[in-house]
C-alpha atoms as a PDB file:
ATOM      1  CA  MET A   1      13.553  29.428  -9.289  1.00  0.00           C
ATOM      2  CA  ARG A   2      15.927  27.248  -7.306  1.00  0.00           C
ATOM      3  CA  VAL A   3      14.346  23.871  -6.521  1.00  0.00           C
ATOM      4  CA  LEU A   4      15.190  21.119  -4.057  1.00  0.00           C
ATOM      5  CA  ILE A   5      14.027  17.661  -5.131  1.00  0.00           C
ATOM      6  CA  VAL A   6      13.173  15.586  -2.048  1.00  0.00           C
ATOM      7  CA  LEU A   7      13.337  11.775  -2.249  1.00  0.00           C
ATOM      8  CA  VAL A   8      12.562   9.353   0.589  1.00  0.00           C
ATOM      9  CA  ASN A   9      14.118   5.885   0.384  1.00  0.00           C
ATOM     10  CA  TRP A  10      13.157   2.898   2.487  1.00  0.00           C
ATOM     11  CA  ASN A  11      14.737  -0.425   1.555  1.00  0.00           C
ATOM     12  CA  GLY A  12      14.473   0.429  -2.126  1.00  0.00           C
ATOM     13  CA  TRP A  13      17.893   1.459  -3.379  1.00  0.00           C
ATOM     14  CA  ARG A  14      17.379  -0.106  -6.808  1.00  0.00           C
ATOM     15  CA  ASP A  15      14.337   2.091  -7.471  1.00  0.00           C
ATOM     16  CA  SER A  16      16.114   5.091  -5.974  1.00  0.00           C
ATOM     17  CA  ILE A  17      19.103   4.652  -8.270  1.00  0.00           C
ATOM     18  CA  GLU A  18      16.833   4.405 -11.288  1.00  0.00           C
ATOM     19  CA  CYS A  19      15.037   7.578 -10.151  1.00  0.00           C
ATOM     20  CA  LEU A  20      18.378   9.353  -9.716  1.00  0.00           C
ATOM     21  CA  GLU A  21      19.529   8.184 -13.136  1.00  0.00           C
ATOM     22  CA  ALA A  22      16.493   9.911 -14.642  1.00  0.00           C
ATOM     23  CA  LEU A  23      17.118  13.056 -12.597  1.00  0.00           C
ATOM     24  CA  ARG A  24      20.659  13.200 -14.025  1.00  0.00           C
ATOM     25  CA  ARG A  25      18.981  13.964 -17.336  1.00  0.00           C
ATOM     26  CA  CYS A  26      16.586  16.511 -15.856  1.00  0.00           C
ATOM     27  CA  ARG A  27      16.973  20.166 -16.833  1.00  0.00           C
ATOM     28  CA  GLY A  28      16.632  23.067 -14.426  1.00  0.00           C
ATOM     29  CA  ASN A  29      18.205  24.779 -11.438  1.00  0.00           C
ATOM     30  CA  PHE A  30      17.923  22.108  -8.765  1.00  0.00           C
ATOM     31  CA  ASP A  31      19.625  19.971  -6.149  1.00  0.00           C
ATOM     32  CA  VAL A  32      18.550  16.597  -4.766  1.00  0.00           C
ATOM     33  CA  VAL A  33      18.300  15.440  -1.170  1.00  0.00           C
ATOM     34  CA  LEU A  34      17.635  11.766  -0.492  1.00  0.00           C
ATOM     35  CA  CYS A  35      16.390  10.979   3.010  1.00  0.00           C
ATOM     36  CA  ASP A  36      16.876   7.353   4.001  1.00  0.00           C
ATOM     37  CA  ASN A  37      14.149   6.194   6.399  1.00  0.00           C
ATOM     38  CA  GLY A  38      16.183   3.690   8.418  1.00  0.00           C
ATOM     39  CA  SER A  39      16.733   1.174   5.609  1.00  0.00           C
ATOM     40  CA  THR A  40      18.086  -2.237   6.591  1.00  0.00           C
ATOM     41  CA  ASP A  41      19.107  -3.371   3.093  1.00  0.00           C
ATOM     42  CA  GLY A  42      22.304  -1.324   2.797  1.00  0.00           C
ATOM     43  CA  SER A  43      20.543   1.369   0.753  1.00  0.00           C
ATOM     44  CA  LEU A  44      22.741   4.263   1.849  1.00  0.00           C
ATOM     45  CA  GLU A  45      25.922   2.366   1.057  1.00  0.00           C
ATOM     46  CA  GLN A  46      24.631   1.268  -2.352  1.00  0.00           C
ATOM     47  CA  ILE A  47      23.420   4.745  -3.319  1.00  0.00           C
ATOM     48  CA  GLN A  48      26.641   6.321  -2.093  1.00  0.00           C
ATOM     49  CA  ALA A  49      28.645   3.825  -4.116  1.00  0.00           C
ATOM     50  CA  TRP A  50      26.595   4.658  -7.196  1.00  0.00           C
ATOM     51  CA  ALA A  51      27.130   8.383  -6.640  1.00  0.00           C
ATOM     52  CA  ASP A  52      30.874   7.795  -6.274  1.00  0.00           C
ATOM     53  CA  SER A  53      30.935   5.696  -9.489  1.00  0.00           C
ATOM     54  CA  GLN A  54      32.278   2.780  -7.476  1.00  0.00           C
ATOM     55  CA  LEU A  55      29.648   0.159  -8.202  1.00  0.00           C
ATOM     56  CA  ALA A  56      31.160  -2.669 -10.192  1.00  0.00           C
ATOM     57  CA  ALA A  57      30.065  -6.055 -11.527  1.00  0.00           C
ATOM     58  CA  ASP A  58      31.293  -7.838  -8.389  1.00  0.00           C
ATOM     59  CA  THR A  59      29.218  -5.667  -6.036  1.00  0.00           C
ATOM     60  CA  GLN A  60      27.037  -7.581  -3.580  1.00  0.00           C
ATOM     61  CA  GLY A  61      23.687  -8.332  -5.159  1.00  0.00           C
ATOM     62  CA  PRO A  62      22.795  -7.702  -8.802  1.00  0.00           C
ATOM     63  CA  PRO A  63      25.596  -6.280 -10.984  1.00  0.00           C
ATOM     64  CA  TRP A  64      25.246  -2.552 -11.523  1.00  0.00           C
ATOM     65  CA  ALA A  65      28.374  -1.907 -13.569  1.00  0.00           C
ATOM     66  CA  HIS A  66      26.202  -1.003 -16.557  1.00  0.00           C
ATOM     67  CA  LEU A  67      25.192   2.200 -14.773  1.00  0.00           C
ATOM     68  CA  LEU A  68      28.671   3.547 -15.397  1.00  0.00           C
ATOM     69  CA  ALA A  69      28.436   3.136 -19.153  1.00  0.00           C
ATOM     70  CA  ALA A  70      24.798   3.325 -20.216  1.00  0.00           C
ATOM     71  CA  PRO A  71      21.500   4.739 -18.925  1.00  0.00           C
ATOM     72  CA  ILE A  72      19.323   2.416 -16.919  1.00  0.00           C
ATOM     73  CA  LEU A  73      16.311   3.547 -18.970  1.00  0.00           C
ATOM     74  CA  ARG A  74      15.610   2.563 -22.556  1.00  0.00           C
ATOM     75  CA  THR A  75      14.884   5.643 -24.659  1.00  0.00           C
ATOM     76  CA  ALA A  76      12.090   3.843 -26.504  1.00  0.00           C
ATOM     77  CA  THR A  77      10.204   3.093 -23.309  1.00  0.00           C
ATOM     78  CA  TYR A  78       9.751   6.538 -21.802  1.00  0.00           C
ATOM     79  CA  ARG A  79       9.106   8.867 -24.699  1.00  0.00           C
ATOM     80  CA  ASN A  80      12.179  10.984 -25.522  1.00  0.00           C
ATOM     81  CA  LEU A  81      14.515  10.444 -22.573  1.00  0.00           C
ATOM     82  CA  ALA A  82      18.042  11.335 -23.622  1.00  0.00           C
ATOM     83  CA  LYS A  83      21.220   9.594 -22.563  1.00  0.00           C
ATOM     84  CA  PRO A  84      23.250  11.334 -19.865  1.00  0.00           C
ATOM     85  CA  ALA A  85      26.561  12.984 -20.534  1.00  0.00           C
ATOM     86  CA  ALA A  86      29.635  10.788 -20.346  1.00  0.00           C
ATOM     87  CA  THR A  87      30.456  12.385 -17.005  1.00  0.00           C
ATOM     88  CA  ALA A  88      27.862  13.729 -14.623  1.00  0.00           C
ATOM     89  CA  ASP A  89      28.179  16.263 -11.825  1.00  0.00           C
ATOM     90  CA  LEU A  90      26.626  14.589  -8.780  1.00  0.00           C
ATOM     91  CA  THR A  91      27.554  17.280  -6.293  1.00  0.00           C
ATOM     92  CA  TRP A  92      23.855  18.175  -6.192  1.00  0.00           C
ATOM     93  CA  LEU A  93      23.050  14.940  -4.335  1.00  0.00           C
ATOM     94  CA  THR A  94      22.878  15.028  -0.539  1.00  0.00           C
ATOM     95  CA  LEU A  95      22.168  11.855   1.461  1.00  0.00           C
ATOM     96  CA  ILE A  96      20.535  12.201   4.897  1.00  0.00           C
ATOM     97  CA  PRO A  97      19.942   9.200   7.194  1.00  0.00           C
ATOM     98  CA  THR A  98      16.796  10.014   9.193  1.00  0.00           C
ATOM     99  CA  GLY A  99      17.647   7.574  11.980  1.00  0.00           C
ATOM    100  CA  GLY A 100      14.530   5.448  11.618  1.00  0.00           C
ATOM    101  CA  ASN A 101      11.391   4.847   9.611  1.00  0.00           C
ATOM    102  CA  LEU A 102       9.571   8.148  10.018  1.00  0.00           C
ATOM    103  CA  GLY A 103       6.870   7.382   7.476  1.00  0.00           C
ATOM    104  CA  PHE A 104       6.021   9.316   4.317  1.00  0.00           C
ATOM    105  CA  ALA A 105       5.505  12.727   5.915  1.00  0.00           C
ATOM    106  CA  GLY A 106       8.320  12.338   8.436  1.00  0.00           C
ATOM    107  CA  GLY A 107      10.873  11.403   5.803  1.00  0.00           C
ATOM    108  CA  ASN A 108       9.820  14.226   3.486  1.00  0.00           C
ATOM    109  CA  ASN A 109       9.830  16.701   6.364  1.00  0.00           C
ATOM    110  CA  VAL A 110      13.504  15.966   6.987  1.00  0.00           C
ATOM    111  CA  GLY A 111      14.201  17.059   3.420  1.00  0.00           C
ATOM    112  CA  LEU A 112      11.898  20.072   3.691  1.00  0.00           C
ATOM    113  CA  ARG A 113      13.570  21.258   6.901  1.00  0.00           C
ATOM    114  CA  TYR A 114      16.950  20.890   5.213  1.00  0.00           C
ATOM    115  CA  GLY A 115      15.688  22.916   2.241  1.00  0.00           C
ATOM    116  CA  LEU A 116      14.103  25.635   4.369  1.00  0.00           C
ATOM    117  CA  GLU A 117      17.498  26.269   5.943  1.00  0.00           C
ATOM    118  CA  GLN A 118      18.857  26.983   2.459  1.00  0.00           C
ATOM    119  CA  ASP A 119      17.653  29.513  -0.126  1.00  0.00           C
ATOM    120  CA  TYR A 120      15.417  27.188  -2.182  1.00  0.00           C
ATOM    121  CA  ASP A 121      12.312  28.737  -3.700  1.00  0.00           C
ATOM    122  CA  ALA A 122      10.349  25.494  -4.128  1.00  0.00           C
ATOM    123  CA  PHE A 123      10.425  21.769  -3.403  1.00  0.00           C
ATOM    124  CA  TRP A 124       9.580  18.798  -5.587  1.00  0.00           C
ATOM    125  CA  LEU A 125       8.533  15.842  -3.438  1.00  0.00           C
ATOM    126  CA  LEU A 126       9.048  12.849  -5.697  1.00  0.00           C
ATOM    127  CA  ASN A 127       8.570   9.146  -4.991  1.00  0.00           C
ATOM    128  CA  THR A 128      11.676   7.055  -5.526  1.00  0.00           C
ATOM    129  CA  ASP A 129       9.664   4.528  -7.560  1.00  0.00           C
ATOM    130  CA  THR A 130       9.328   7.064 -10.378  1.00  0.00           C
ATOM    131  CA  VAL A 131      11.288   8.210 -13.408  1.00  0.00           C
ATOM    132  CA  VAL A 132      10.762  11.589 -15.048  1.00  0.00           C
ATOM    133  CA  GLU A 133      11.156  13.261 -18.407  1.00  0.00           C
ATOM    134  CA  PRO A 134      14.139  15.620 -18.801  1.00  0.00           C
ATOM    135  CA  ASP A 135      11.799  18.614 -19.074  1.00  0.00           C
ATOM    136  CA  ALA A 136       9.415  17.551 -16.281  1.00  0.00           C
ATOM    137  CA  LEU A 137      10.803  20.047 -13.779  1.00  0.00           C
ATOM    138  CA  GLU A 138      10.911  22.883 -16.316  1.00  0.00           C
ATOM    139  CA  HIS A 139       7.166  22.561 -16.921  1.00  0.00           C
ATOM    140  CA  LEU A 140       6.393  22.528 -13.183  1.00  0.00           C
ATOM    141  CA  VAL A 141       8.494  25.635 -12.607  1.00  0.00           C
ATOM    142  CA  ALA A 142       6.939  27.456 -15.569  1.00  0.00           C
ATOM    143  CA  ARG A 143       3.429  26.662 -14.361  1.00  0.00           C
ATOM    144  CA  VAL A 144       4.105  27.987 -10.858  1.00  0.00           C
ATOM    145  CA  GLN A 145       6.023  31.062 -12.003  1.00  0.00           C
ATOM    146  CA  ALA A 146       3.102  32.032 -14.227  1.00  0.00           C
ATOM    147  CA  ASP A 147       0.887  32.592 -11.161  1.00  0.00           C
ATOM    148  CA  PRO A 148       2.266  33.437  -7.692  1.00  0.00           C
ATOM    149  CA  SER A 149      -1.010  32.336  -6.081  1.00  0.00           C
ATOM    150  CA  ILE A 150      -0.168  28.675  -6.877  1.00  0.00           C
ATOM    151  CA  GLY A 151       1.116  26.702  -3.897  1.00  0.00           C
ATOM    152  CA  LEU A 152       0.823  23.070  -5.007  1.00  0.00           C
ATOM    153  CA  CYS A 153       1.343  21.704  -8.507  1.00  0.00           C
ATOM    154  CA  GLY A 154       1.068  18.153  -9.801  1.00  0.00           C
ATOM    155  CA  ALA A 155       2.268  16.413 -12.946  1.00  0.00           C
ATOM    156  CA  SER A 156       0.806  14.042 -15.505  1.00  0.00           C
ATOM    157  CA  VAL A 157       1.504  10.764 -13.692  1.00  0.00           C
ATOM    158  CA  LEU A 158       1.599   7.760 -16.025  1.00  0.00           C
ATOM    159  CA  TYR A 159       2.019   4.086 -15.238  1.00  0.00           C
ATOM    160  CA  TYR A 160       5.633   2.963 -15.442  1.00  0.00           C
ATOM    161  CA  ALA A 161       4.640  -0.470 -16.776  1.00  0.00           C
ATOM    162  CA  ASP A 162       2.303   1.028 -19.384  1.00  0.00           C
ATOM    163  CA  PRO A 163       3.013   4.701 -20.194  1.00  0.00           C
ATOM    164  CA  SER A 164       0.025   4.785 -22.540  1.00  0.00           C
ATOM    165  CA  LYS A 165      -2.250   4.922 -19.464  1.00  0.00           C
ATOM    166  CA  VAL A 166      -2.658   7.748 -16.979  1.00  0.00           C
ATOM    167  CA  GLN A 167      -2.652   7.166 -13.243  1.00  0.00           C
ATOM    168  CA  CYS A 168      -3.804  10.741 -12.748  1.00  0.00           C
ATOM    169  CA  PHE A 169      -3.606  14.248 -14.130  1.00  0.00           C
ATOM    170  CA  GLY A 170      -2.083  15.982 -11.139  1.00  0.00           C
ATOM    171  CA  GLY A 171      -4.089  14.354  -8.418  1.00  0.00           C
ATOM    172  CA  SER A 172      -7.536  13.336  -7.257  1.00  0.00           C
ATOM    173  CA  GLU A 173     -10.979  14.392  -6.325  1.00  0.00           C
ATOM    174  CA  TYR A 174     -11.849  13.641  -2.699  1.00  0.00           C
ATOM    175  CA  VAL A 175     -15.117  11.948  -1.728  1.00  0.00           C
ATOM    176  CA  PRO A 176     -15.745  12.818   1.959  1.00  0.00           C
ATOM    177  CA  ARG A 177     -18.612  10.376   2.491  1.00  0.00           C
ATOM    178  CA  ARG A 178     -16.237   7.485   1.674  1.00  0.00           C
ATOM    179  CA  ALA A 179     -12.940   9.079   2.763  1.00  0.00           C
ATOM    180  CA  ALA A 180     -11.433   8.084  -0.558  1.00  0.00           C
ATOM    181  CA  GLY A 181      -9.762   9.757  -3.478  1.00  0.00           C
ATOM    182  CA  ARG A 182     -10.716   9.362  -7.119  1.00  0.00           C
ATOM    183  CA  TYR A 183      -7.892   9.771  -9.633  1.00  0.00           C
ATOM    184  CA  ILE A 184      -8.561  12.413 -12.281  1.00  0.00           C
ATOM    185  CA  GLY A 185      -7.989  10.959 -15.741  1.00  0.00           C
ATOM    186  CA  TYR A 186      -7.544   7.402 -14.483  1.00  0.00           C
ATOM    187  CA  LEU A 187      -6.541   5.000 -17.304  1.00  0.00           C
ATOM    188  CA  GLN A 188      -7.036   7.646 -19.980  1.00  0.00           C
ATOM    189  CA  PRO A 189      -4.384   8.176 -22.694  1.00  0.00           C
ATOM    190  CA  PRO A 190      -1.879  10.892 -21.693  1.00  0.00           C
ATOM    191  CA  THR A 191      -2.722  13.066 -24.675  1.00  0.00           C
ATOM    192  CA  PRO A 192      -4.637  15.190 -25.207  1.00  0.00           C
ATOM    193  CA  ALA A 193      -4.430  16.269 -21.583  1.00  0.00           C
ATOM    194  CA  PRO A 194      -7.111  18.526 -20.111  1.00  0.00           C
ATOM    195  CA  SER A 195      -6.135  22.106 -19.405  1.00  0.00           C
ATOM    196  CA  PRO A 196      -5.257  23.063 -15.826  1.00  0.00           C
ATOM    197  CA  ALA A 197      -8.177  25.508 -15.801  1.00  0.00           C
ATOM    198  CA  ALA A 198     -10.581  22.690 -16.639  1.00  0.00           C
ATOM    199  CA  LEU A 199      -9.380  20.576 -13.715  1.00  0.00           C
ATOM    200  CA  GLU A 200      -8.728  23.045 -10.928  1.00  0.00           C
ATOM    201  CA  GLY A 201     -12.323  22.900  -9.718  1.00  0.00           C
ATOM    202  CA  LYS A 202     -12.049  19.125  -9.340  1.00  0.00           C
ATOM    203  CA  LEU A 203      -8.463  18.838  -8.125  1.00  0.00           C
ATOM    204  CA  ASP A 204      -8.813  18.450  -4.363  1.00  0.00           C
ATOM    205  CA  TYR A 205      -5.264  17.279  -3.683  1.00  0.00           C
ATOM    206  CA  ILE A 206      -2.010  16.435  -5.465  1.00  0.00           C
ATOM    207  CA  VAL A 207      -0.916  12.790  -5.315  1.00  0.00           C
ATOM    208  CA  GLY A 208       2.215  12.069  -3.301  1.00  0.00           C
ATOM    209  CA  ALA A 209       4.094  10.495  -6.212  1.00  0.00           C
ATOM    210  CA  SER A 210       4.865  13.991  -7.525  1.00  0.00           C
ATOM    211  CA  MET A 211       4.108  17.108  -5.479  1.00  0.00           C
ATOM    212  CA  PHE A 212       5.664  20.445  -6.410  1.00  0.00           C
ATOM    213  CA  VAL A 213       5.244  22.909  -3.554  1.00  0.00           C
ATOM    214  CA  THR A 214       6.394  26.488  -3.136  1.00  0.00           C
ATOM    215  CA  ARG A 215       8.382  27.787  -0.201  1.00  0.00           C
ATOM    216  CA  ALA A 216       5.579  30.249   0.556  1.00  0.00           C
ATOM    217  CA  PHE A 217       3.123  27.352   0.871  1.00  0.00           C
ATOM    218  CA  VAL A 218       5.337  25.443   3.318  1.00  0.00           C
ATOM    219  CA  GLU A 219       6.098  28.530   5.399  1.00  0.00           C
ATOM    220  CA  THR A 220       2.401  29.472   5.562  1.00  0.00           C
ATOM    221  CA  ILE A 221       0.647  26.090   5.880  1.00  0.00           C
ATOM    222  CA  GLY A 222       3.459  24.250   7.660  1.00  0.00           C
ATOM    223  CA  LEU A 223       5.205  20.944   7.111  1.00  0.00           C
ATOM    224  CA  MET A 224       3.342  17.732   6.294  1.00  0.00           C
ATOM    225  CA  SER A 225       1.470  16.211   9.225  1.00  0.00           C
ATOM    226  CA  GLU A 226       3.268  13.249  10.766  1.00  0.00           C
ATOM    227  CA  ASP A 227       0.084  12.020  12.462  1.00  0.00           C
ATOM    228  CA  TYR A 228      -0.626   9.580   9.618  1.00  0.00           C
ATOM    229  CA  PHE A 229       2.697   7.775   8.947  1.00  0.00           C
ATOM    230  CA  LEU A 230       1.389   6.539   5.586  1.00  0.00           C
ATOM    231  CA  TYR A 231      -1.591   7.667   3.441  1.00  0.00           C
ATOM    232  CA  PHE A 232      -3.704  10.828   3.757  1.00  0.00           C
ATOM    233  CA  GLU A 233      -0.751  13.209   4.230  1.00  0.00           C
ATOM    234  CA  GLU A 234      -1.436  14.878   0.850  1.00  0.00           C
ATOM    235  CA  MET A 235      -5.134  15.240   1.688  1.00  0.00           C
ATOM    236  CA  ASP A 236      -4.284  16.745   5.072  1.00  0.00           C
ATOM    237  CA  TRP A 237      -1.954  19.301   3.456  1.00  0.00           C
ATOM    238  CA  SER A 238      -4.669  20.397   1.031  1.00  0.00           C
ATOM    239  CA  ALA A 239      -7.335  20.457   3.738  1.00  0.00           C
ATOM    240  CA  ARG A 240      -5.142  22.680   5.907  1.00  0.00           C
ATOM    241  CA  ASN A 241      -4.507  24.924   2.908  1.00  0.00           C
ATOM    242  CA  ASN A 242      -8.279  25.510   2.711  1.00  0.00           C
ATOM    243  CA  GLY A 243      -8.059  27.511  -0.503  1.00  0.00           C
ATOM    244  CA  ARG A 244      -5.322  29.927   0.560  1.00  0.00           C
ATOM    245  CA  PHE A 245      -3.058  28.793  -2.298  1.00  0.00           C
ATOM    246  CA  ARG A 246      -4.202  27.513  -5.676  1.00  0.00           C
ATOM    247  CA  VAL A 247      -3.795  23.810  -6.422  1.00  0.00           C
ATOM    248  CA  THR A 248      -3.085  22.975 -10.061  1.00  0.00           C
ATOM    249  CA  TYR A 249      -1.042  20.769 -12.376  1.00  0.00           C
ATOM    250  CA  ALA A 250       1.385  21.021 -15.285  1.00  0.00           C
ATOM    251  CA  PRO A 251       0.051  18.758 -18.080  1.00  0.00           C
ATOM    252  CA  GLU A 252       3.356  18.551 -19.969  1.00  0.00           C
ATOM    253  CA  SER A 253       5.340  17.417 -16.917  1.00  0.00           C
ATOM    254  CA  PHE A 254       5.463  13.622 -17.282  1.00  0.00           C
ATOM    255  CA  VAL A 255       6.249  11.306 -14.360  1.00  0.00           C
ATOM    256  CA  TYR A 256       6.202   7.492 -14.661  1.00  0.00           C
ATOM    257  CA  HIS A 257       5.151   5.707 -11.471  1.00  0.00           C
ATOM    258  CA  LYS A 258       5.536   2.077 -10.358  1.00  0.00           C
ATOM    259  CA  HIS A 259       2.207   2.365  -8.543  1.00  0.00           C
ATOM    260  CA  GLY A 260       1.521  -0.114  -5.734  1.00  0.00           C
ATOM    261  CA  GLY A 261       4.973  -1.660  -5.678  1.00  0.00           C
ATOM    262  CA  SER A 262       5.879  -0.518  -2.175  1.00  0.00           C
ATOM    263  CA  VAL A 263       2.781  -1.703  -0.293  1.00  0.00           C
ATOM    264  CA  GLY A 264       1.324  -4.437  -2.483  1.00  0.00           C
ATOM    265  CA  GLY A 265      -2.270  -5.269  -3.227  1.00  0.00           C
ATOM    266  CA  SER A 266      -2.685  -2.873  -6.141  1.00  0.00           C
ATOM    267  CA  SER A 267      -4.827  -5.332  -8.045  1.00  0.00           C
ATOM    268  CA  ALA A 268      -8.522  -5.390  -7.285  1.00  0.00           C
ATOM    269  CA  ARG A 269      -8.360  -9.180  -6.854  1.00  0.00           C
ATOM    270  CA  SER A 270      -5.094  -9.438  -4.921  1.00  0.00           C
ATOM    271  CA  ARG A 271      -4.810  -9.737  -1.156  1.00  0.00           C
ATOM    272  CA  PRO A 272      -4.175  -6.229   0.194  1.00  0.00           C
ATOM    273  CA  SER A 273      -0.940  -5.880   2.103  1.00  0.00           C
ATOM    274  CA  ARG A 274      -1.000  -5.591   5.880  1.00  0.00           C
ATOM    275  CA  THR A 275       0.528  -2.115   5.555  1.00  0.00           C
ATOM    276  CA  LEU A 276      -2.272  -0.900   3.295  1.00  0.00           C
ATOM    277  CA  ILE A 277      -4.960  -2.414   5.520  1.00  0.00           C
ATOM    278  CA  ILE A 278      -3.677  -0.947   8.766  1.00  0.00           C
ATOM    279  CA  TYR A 279      -2.859   2.594   7.676  1.00  0.00           C
ATOM    280  CA  SER A 280      -5.683   3.135   5.207  1.00  0.00           C
ATOM    281  CA  GLY A 281      -8.181   1.898   7.801  1.00  0.00           C
ATOM    282  CA  VAL A 282      -7.022   3.973  10.738  1.00  0.00           C
ATOM    283  CA  ASN A 283      -6.384   7.128   8.715  1.00  0.00           C
ATOM    284  CA  ARG A 284      -9.720   7.136   6.888  1.00  0.00           C
ATOM    285  CA  ILE A 285     -11.455   7.588  10.231  1.00  0.00           C
ATOM    286  CA  PHE A 286      -8.748   9.793  11.767  1.00  0.00           C
ATOM    287  CA  PHE A 287      -8.706  12.223   8.807  1.00  0.00           C
ATOM    288  CA  THR A 288     -12.503  12.290   8.600  1.00  0.00           C
ATOM    289  CA  ARG A 289     -12.872  13.163  12.266  1.00  0.00           C
ATOM    290  CA  ARG A 290     -10.322  15.935  11.870  1.00  0.00           C
ATOM    291  CA  PHE A 291     -11.793  17.634   8.774  1.00  0.00           C
ATOM    292  CA  TYR A 292     -15.171  16.064   7.871  1.00  0.00           C
ATOM    293  CA  LYS A 293     -16.652  14.967  11.180  1.00  0.00           C
ATOM    294  CA  GLN A 294     -20.183  15.066   9.797  1.00  0.00           C
ATOM    295  CA  HIS A 295     -19.289  12.160   7.479  1.00  0.00           C
ATOM    296  CA  THR A 296     -17.913   9.841  10.187  1.00  0.00           C
ATOM    297  CA  LEU A 297     -20.826   7.392  10.107  1.00  0.00           C
ATOM    298  CA  THR A 298     -20.953   7.171   6.312  1.00  0.00           C
ATOM    299  CA  VAL A 299     -17.186   6.565   6.186  1.00  0.00           C
ATOM    300  CA  LEU A 300     -17.493   3.836   8.799  1.00  0.00           C
ATOM    301  CA  ALA A 301     -20.282   2.267   6.720  1.00  0.00           C
ATOM    302  CA  ALA A 302     -18.094   2.450   3.597  1.00  0.00           C
ATOM    303  CA  ILE A 303     -15.292   0.688   5.460  1.00  0.00           C
ATOM    304  CA  GLY A 304     -17.772  -1.929   6.624  1.00  0.00           C
ATOM    305  CA  LEU A 305     -18.777  -2.541   3.005  1.00  0.00           C
ATOM    306  CA  ASP A 306     -15.093  -2.903   2.065  1.00  0.00           C
ATOM    307  CA  CYS A 307     -14.764  -5.491   4.821  1.00  0.00           C
ATOM    308  CA  VAL A 308     -17.714  -7.446   3.407  1.00  0.00           C
ATOM    309  CA  LYS A 309     -16.107  -7.392  -0.058  1.00  0.00           C
ATOM    310  CA  LEU A 310     -12.812  -8.657   1.351  1.00  0.00           C
ATOM    311  CA  ALA A 311     -14.554 -11.431   3.245  1.00  0.00           C
ATOM    312  CA  ALA A 312     -16.498 -12.428   0.124  1.00  0.00           C
ATOM    313  CA  ARG A 313     -13.163 -12.885  -1.688  1.00  0.00           C
ATOM    314  CA  GLY A 314     -11.917 -15.114   1.115  1.00  0.00           C
ATOM    315  CA  HIS A 315      -9.707 -12.504   2.801  1.00  0.00           C
ATOM    316  CA  LEU A 316     -11.267 -12.916   6.243  1.00  0.00           C
ATOM    317  CA  PHE A 317      -8.221 -11.829   8.240  1.00  0.00           C
ATOM    318  CA  SER A 318      -7.802  -8.738   6.054  1.00  0.00           C
ATOM    319  CA  ALA A 319     -11.449  -7.838   6.599  1.00  0.00           C
ATOM    320  CA  PHE A 320     -11.078  -8.217  10.374  1.00  0.00           C
ATOM    321  CA  SER A 321      -7.829  -6.180  10.383  1.00  0.00           C
ATOM    322  CA  LEU A 322      -9.406  -3.384   8.355  1.00  0.00           C
ATOM    323  CA  MET A 323     -12.308  -2.956  10.771  1.00  0.00           C
ATOM    324  CA  CYS A 324     -10.032  -3.099  13.828  1.00  0.00           C
ATOM    325  CA  SER A 325      -7.757  -0.479  12.263  1.00  0.00           C
ATOM    326  CA  ALA A 326     -10.709   1.769  11.456  1.00  0.00           C
ATOM    327  CA  LEU A 327     -11.919   1.627  15.062  1.00  0.00           C
ATOM    328  CA  LYS A 328      -8.455   2.751  16.218  1.00  0.00           C
ATOM    329  CA  GLY A 329      -8.915   5.842  14.058  1.00  0.00           C
ATOM    330  CA  PHE A 330     -11.432   7.208  16.570  1.00  0.00           C
ATOM    331  CA  SER A 331      -8.612   7.805  19.038  1.00  0.00           C
ATOM    332  CA  GLN A 332      -5.349   7.952  17.065  1.00  0.00           C
ATOM    333  CA  GLY A 333      -3.777   8.212  13.632  1.00  0.00           C
ATOM    334  CA  GLY A 334      -1.332   6.048  11.752  1.00  0.00           C
ATOM    335  CA  GLY A 335       1.638   7.793  13.356  1.00  0.00           C
ATOM    336  CA  ALA A 336       0.621   6.580  16.809  1.00  0.00           C
ATOM    337  CA  VAL A 337      -0.003   3.076  15.445  1.00  0.00           C
ATOM    338  CA  ALA A 338       3.487   3.026  13.928  1.00  0.00           C
ATOM    339  CA  ALA A 339       5.020   4.256  17.199  1.00  0.00           C
ATOM    340  CA  GLU A 340       3.247   1.468  19.115  1.00  0.00           C
ATOM    341  CA  ALA A 341       4.448  -1.149  16.623  1.00  0.00           C
ATOM    342  CA  ALA A 342       8.036   0.112  16.944  1.00  0.00           C
ATOM    343  CA  THR A 343       8.013  -0.478  20.714  1.00  0.00           C
ATOM    344  CA  GLN A 344       6.690  -4.050  20.462  1.00  0.00           C
END
């Protein structure tokens, strides 16, 4: 199985380089495409310099010369990660500037379109704020090859800052009355992991941090919907699948995720970022009206309760922004909101 790993970078070249460093150690038949979503921090130049082994201690910003001599990851931190070879073949890395910030789905779709033009059998959509075990891809491939009815496959996603805790086993359950996901295995130890068979009845969608998808799935269901810009794209993909392909996970495929770093507000007591407020609010209503219209009122009530909780913590502007965003969801999704913001 020939796999294309799709990464989307937006003003995060340091994370992307760390992700690529881990992929250098990854085993399997794969190439990597990194789609840059209109970064303004010199990401493409920095990543290209890293790929060309030209980053030196006097490079603008933090010194990255150590990348040329030693792995960026400590072997004691992430289980049994091995050091890379003294020289690495980076011809598998393709950089694609998308021309602007296309959002999560839009950026990934650039990579998927590129891969569909080639002879790749599957795609691994991987967040750039992750690092992976050397055998992570092998376990995903083995799981999918064991059953041709599988279309989507997740990994055991652990917290980067504390690998002893699980973010999720593969993905989440979806609660339509609240328009919210519920991580499977949240904060549990990574081992022993539940069997895929035990979870498949609960696994409603694969989280976007690590989504392995077959070519047959993409050609049948279509690309990711760009109506959302951020959040709910994974749920939309699974909802459109509607049981045609099996959704599962590979328990021995370990991915370490810096959860919440890109949008902020991951703590229950922190002030949610404006990005999270706007796109989670509008897309909860937009997605519900598209697939679970009968739950629209209960979702709106759940958002109202979230607003009350925010206000009670003193985040009055966040509460007001969340409700305004939710009301926009009756007429448009996050993609339209992003397009409007880009013209202002």
